[in-house]
Amino acid sequence: MKDDELSNVTSDPKPDQPVVMDKSQDYGLLGLAVIFVVLVVFNLFKGQPIADLNAIFWGYLGMSYISKYRHEKSTTNLVAGICGLIASLASLASYILSFW
């Protein structure tokens, strides 16, 4: 065996960077969703508006799917991204108009 073949056999395979990033983003989204649900339930219990929380949540989700669409070119990601951004803008408008 040559030296370069030996080094290739004994080296540990490193995880693929996009796979690691996808996993971390999945956990980040899970954490965001859990905090979102807790805050929405609390605000509904206290009689507070939730349009601001909806705007943040849907904005994050929409931009996440738009970013996925740029890499994967999946129509499902594009539709989900556009719908998320529309929901975010509608919630933001509702929040602003409620305090106008």
C-alpha atoms as a PDB file:
ATOM      1  CA  MET A   1       0.000   0.000   0.000  1.00  0.00           C
ATOM      2  CA  LYS A   2       1.117   3.502  -0.716  1.00  0.00           C
ATOM      3  CA  ASP A   3       1.277   6.143   1.986  1.00  0.00           C
ATOM      4  CA  ASP A   4      -1.660   8.162   0.620  1.00  0.00           C
ATOM      5  CA  GLU A   5      -3.863   5.053   0.413  1.00  0.00           C
ATOM      6  CA  LEU A   6      -3.026   4.170   3.989  1.00  0.00           C
ATOM      7  CA  SER A   7      -3.907   7.636   5.228  1.00  0.00           C
ATOM      8  CA  ASN A   8      -7.260   7.508   3.401  1.00  0.00           C
ATOM      9  CA  VAL A   9      -8.152   4.175   4.959  1.00  0.00           C
ATOM     10  CA  THR A  10      -7.341   5.163   8.532  1.00  0.00           C
ATOM     11  CA  SER A  11      -8.847   8.652   8.527  1.00  0.00           C
ATOM     12  CA  ASP A  12     -12.245   9.117  10.114  1.00  0.00           C
ATOM     13  CA  PRO A  13     -14.920  10.375   7.757  1.00  0.00           C
ATOM     14  CA  LYS A  14     -16.033  13.880   8.701  1.00  0.00           C
ATOM     15  CA  PRO A  15     -19.730  14.716   8.661  1.00  0.00           C
ATOM     16  CA  ASP A  16     -20.894  16.642   5.666  1.00  0.00           C
ATOM     17  CA  GLN A  17     -21.249  20.343   6.523  1.00  0.00           C
ATOM     18  CA  PRO A  18     -24.725  20.844   4.933  1.00  0.00           C
ATOM     19  CA  VAL A  19     -26.078  17.854   6.869  1.00  0.00           C
ATOM     20  CA  VAL A  20     -24.827  19.339  10.141  1.00  0.00           C
ATOM     21  CA  MET A  21     -26.310  22.732   9.263  1.00  0.00           C
ATOM     22  CA  ASP A  22     -29.674  21.169   8.380  1.00  0.00           C
ATOM     23  CA  LYS A  23     -29.760  19.319  11.705  1.00  0.00           C
ATOM     24  CA  SER A  24     -28.890  22.462  13.667  1.00  0.00           C
ATOM     25  CA  GLN A  25     -31.545  24.450  11.839  1.00  0.00           C
ATOM     26  CA  ASP A  26     -34.093  21.723  12.549  1.00  0.00           C
ATOM     27  CA  TYR A  27     -33.327  21.927  16.272  1.00  0.00           C
ATOM     28  CA  GLY A  28     -33.454  25.719  16.109  1.00  0.00           C
ATOM     29  CA  LEU A  29     -36.860  25.578  14.462  1.00  0.00           C
ATOM     30  CA  LEU A  30     -38.074  23.106  17.069  1.00  0.00           C
ATOM     31  CA  GLY A  31     -36.918  25.423  19.855  1.00  0.00           C
ATOM     32  CA  LEU A  32     -38.596  28.389  18.172  1.00  0.00           C
ATOM     33  CA  ALA A  33     -41.850  26.459  17.799  1.00  0.00           C
ATOM     34  CA  VAL A  34     -41.875  25.384  21.457  1.00  0.00           C
ATOM     35  CA  ILE A  35     -41.255  28.935  22.714  1.00  0.00           C
ATOM     36  CA  PHE A  36     -43.841  30.249  20.247  1.00  0.00           C
ATOM     37  CA  VAL A  37     -46.507  27.859  21.541  1.00  0.00           C
ATOM     38  CA  VAL A  38     -45.733  28.729  25.169  1.00  0.00           C
ATOM     39  CA  LEU A  39     -45.945  32.473  24.473  1.00  0.00           C
ATOM     40  CA  VAL A  40     -49.132  32.147  22.408  1.00  0.00           C
ATOM     41  CA  VAL A  41     -50.862  30.112  25.119  1.00  0.00           C
ATOM     42  CA  PHE A  42     -49.738  32.602  27.776  1.00  0.00           C
ATOM     43  CA  ASN A  43     -50.891  35.614  25.732  1.00  0.00           C
ATOM     44  CA  LEU A  44     -54.239  34.002  24.956  1.00  0.00           C
ATOM     45  CA  PHE A  45     -54.698  33.158  28.643  1.00  0.00           C
ATOM     46  CA  LYS A  46     -53.948  36.785  29.590  1.00  0.00           C
ATOM     47  CA  GLY A  47     -56.052  38.226  26.751  1.00  0.00           C
ATOM     48  CA  GLN A  48     -53.088  39.776  24.933  1.00  0.00           C
ATOM     49  CA  PRO A  49     -52.790  39.983  21.128  1.00  0.00           C
ATOM     50  CA  ILE A  50     -50.634  37.402  19.381  1.00  0.00           C
ATOM     51  CA  ALA A  51     -50.197  39.082  15.989  1.00  0.00           C
ATOM     52  CA  ASP A  52     -46.631  40.129  16.820  1.00  0.00           C
ATOM     53  CA  LEU A  53     -45.647  36.572  17.688  1.00  0.00           C
ATOM     54  CA  ASN A  54     -47.313  35.284  14.524  1.00  0.00           C
ATOM     55  CA  ALA A  55     -45.393  37.801  12.410  1.00  0.00           C
ATOM     56  CA  ILE A  56     -42.065  36.670  13.849  1.00  0.00           C
ATOM     57  CA  PHE A  57     -42.842  32.963  13.577  1.00  0.00           C
ATOM     58  CA  TRP A  58     -44.201  33.038  10.033  1.00  0.00           C
ATOM     59  CA  GLY A  59     -41.447  35.392   8.892  1.00  0.00           C
ATOM     60  CA  TYR A  60     -38.779  33.004  10.133  1.00  0.00           C
ATOM     61  CA  LEU A  61     -40.529  30.014   8.624  1.00  0.00           C
ATOM     62  CA  GLY A  62     -41.094  31.754   5.286  1.00  0.00           C
ATOM     63  CA  MET A  63     -37.481  32.861   4.957  1.00  0.00           C
ATOM     64  CA  SER A  64     -36.290  29.401   5.978  1.00  0.00           C
ATOM     65  CA  TYR A  65     -38.247  27.784   3.159  1.00  0.00           C
ATOM     66  CA  ILE A  66     -37.162  30.436   0.645  1.00  0.00           C
ATOM     67  CA  SER A  67     -33.558  29.658   1.573  1.00  0.00           C
ATOM     68  CA  LYS A  68     -34.208  25.931   1.138  1.00  0.00           C
ATOM     69  CA  TYR A  69     -35.797  26.637  -2.248  1.00  0.00           C
ATOM     70  CA  ARG A  70     -32.679  28.491  -3.422  1.00  0.00           C
ATOM     71  CA  HIS A  71     -30.612  25.337  -2.832  1.00  0.00           C
ATOM     72  CA  GLU A  72     -33.039  22.521  -3.675  1.00  0.00           C
ATOM     73  CA  LYS A  73     -35.339  24.165  -6.285  1.00  0.00           C
ATOM     74  CA  SER A  74     -38.351  22.316  -4.880  1.00  0.00           C
ATOM     75  CA  THR A  75     -41.765  23.809  -5.665  1.00  0.00           C
ATOM     76  CA  THR A  76     -43.036  22.743  -2.248  1.00  0.00           C
ATOM     77  CA  ASN A  77     -40.375  24.862  -0.537  1.00  0.00           C
ATOM     78  CA  LEU A  78     -41.233  27.838  -2.739  1.00  0.00           C
ATOM     79  CA  VAL A  79     -44.954  27.613  -2.000  1.00  0.00           C
ATOM     80  CA  ALA A  80     -44.349  27.174   1.737  1.00  0.00           C
ATOM     81  CA  GLY A  81     -41.949  30.128   1.741  1.00  0.00           C
ATOM     82  CA  ILE A  82     -44.329  32.448  -0.080  1.00  0.00           C
ATOM     83  CA  CYS A  83     -47.258  31.429   2.132  1.00  0.00           C
ATOM     84  CA  GLY A  84     -45.131  31.965   5.249  1.00  0.00           C
ATOM     85  CA  LEU A  85     -44.092  35.434   4.112  1.00  0.00           C
ATOM     86  CA  ILE A  86     -47.677  36.382   3.246  1.00  0.00           C
ATOM     87  CA  ALA A  87     -48.853  35.197   6.670  1.00  0.00           C
ATOM     88  CA  SER A  88     -46.023  37.149   8.290  1.00  0.00           C
ATOM     89  CA  LEU A  89     -46.882  40.365   6.462  1.00  0.00           C
ATOM     90  CA  ALA A  90     -50.581  39.947   7.261  1.00  0.00           C
ATOM     91  CA  SER A  91     -49.817  39.417  10.959  1.00  0.00           C
ATOM     92  CA  LEU A  92     -47.461  42.368  10.978  1.00  0.00           C
ATOM     93  CA  ALA A  93     -50.108  44.579   9.382  1.00  0.00           C
ATOM     94  CA  SER A  94     -52.668  43.387  11.918  1.00  0.00           C
ATOM     95  CA  TYR A  95     -50.302  44.173  14.779  1.00  0.00           C
ATOM     96  CA  ILE A  96     -49.479  47.640  13.478  1.00  0.00           C
ATOM     97  CA  LEU A  97     -53.116  48.492  12.775  1.00  0.00           C
ATOM     98  CA  SER A  98     -54.205  47.335  16.219  1.00  0.00           C
ATOM     99  CA  PHE A  99     -51.922  49.920  17.840  1.00  0.00           C
ATOM    100  CA  TRP A 100     -52.362  52.702  15.274  1.00  0.00           C
END
